[in-house]
């Protein structure tokens, strides 16, 4: 049977967070990541308008058929 390892003290250690990082620094890093992700998606939508339109239509269809 494989040896079970102890889980890390803080789960963010698994994702490469610096050792002395505060909650505010983590939120700033996350906000920067989300801004860059949105910028990359906007760029992809400008470069591939047909694919972006199809993705919007698929998303709208999913949202229309989703039941709360």
Protein backbone atom coordinates (compact mmCIF):
# COMPACT_ATOMS: atom_id res chain seq x y z
CA UNK A 1 0.00 0.00 0.00
CA UNK A 2 1.42 3.45 -0.90
CA UNK A 3 2.57 5.69 1.89
CA UNK A 4 0.09 8.48 2.69
CA UNK A 5 1.55 11.96 2.82
CA UNK A 6 0.46 14.72 5.13
CA UNK A 7 -1.52 17.46 3.32
CA UNK A 8 0.24 20.83 3.19
CA UNK A 9 -0.61 23.25 5.99
CA UNK A 10 -2.06 25.77 3.56
CA UNK A 11 -3.54 24.63 0.25
CA UNK A 12 -2.10 27.62 -1.65
CA UNK A 13 1.40 26.14 -1.16
CA UNK A 14 0.52 23.55 -3.81
CA UNK A 15 -0.02 26.34 -6.36
CA UNK A 16 3.34 28.03 -5.89
CA UNK A 17 2.35 30.85 -3.57
CA UNK A 18 5.30 32.56 -1.90
CA UNK A 19 6.00 31.64 1.73
CA UNK A 20 5.27 34.99 3.43
CA UNK A 21 2.36 36.04 1.22
CA UNK A 22 -0.50 37.89 2.90
CA UNK A 23 -4.17 37.60 1.97
CA UNK A 24 -4.08 41.05 0.33
CA UNK A 25 -1.08 40.07 -1.82
CA UNK A 26 -2.85 36.87 -2.85
CA UNK A 27 -5.94 38.84 -3.86
CA UNK A 28 -3.82 41.30 -5.86
CA UNK A 29 -2.06 38.43 -7.63
CA UNK A 30 -5.41 36.78 -8.38
CA UNK A 31 -6.89 40.06 -9.68
CA UNK A 32 -3.88 40.53 -11.98
CA UNK A 33 -4.26 36.98 -13.27
CA UNK A 34 -7.98 37.48 -13.97
CA UNK A 35 -7.28 40.79 -15.77
CA UNK A 36 -4.67 39.12 -17.97
CA UNK A 37 -7.03 36.23 -18.66
CA UNK A 38 -9.81 38.60 -19.72
CA UNK A 39 -7.36 40.50 -21.93
CA UNK A 40 -6.22 37.26 -23.58
CA UNK A 41 -9.83 36.22 -24.22
CA UNK A 42 -10.62 39.63 -25.72
CA UNK A 43 -7.58 39.35 -28.00
CA UNK A 44 -8.61 35.84 -29.09
CA UNK A 45 -12.13 37.11 -29.82
CA UNK A 46 -10.74 39.90 -32.02
CA UNK A 47 -8.40 37.54 -33.86
CA UNK A 48 -10.96 34.74 -34.36
CA UNK A 49 -14.36 36.46 -34.65
CA UNK A 50 -16.17 33.45 -36.16
CA UNK A 51 -15.06 31.13 -33.36
CA UNK A 52 -15.91 33.81 -30.78
CA UNK A 53 -19.41 34.21 -32.21
CA UNK A 54 -19.98 30.45 -32.16
CA UNK A 55 -18.75 30.31 -28.55
CA UNK A 56 -21.14 33.13 -27.57
CA UNK A 57 -24.05 31.33 -29.22
CA UNK A 58 -23.18 28.05 -27.47
CA UNK A 59 -22.92 29.85 -24.14
CA UNK A 60 -26.28 31.57 -24.69
CA UNK A 61 -27.88 28.23 -25.54
CA UNK A 62 -26.44 26.64 -22.40
CA UNK A 63 -27.70 29.50 -20.28
CA UNK A 64 -31.15 29.33 -21.86
CA UNK A 65 -31.47 25.61 -21.20
CA UNK A 66 -29.97 25.71 -17.70
CA UNK A 67 -32.54 25.18 -14.95
CA UNK A 68 -32.16 27.03 -11.68
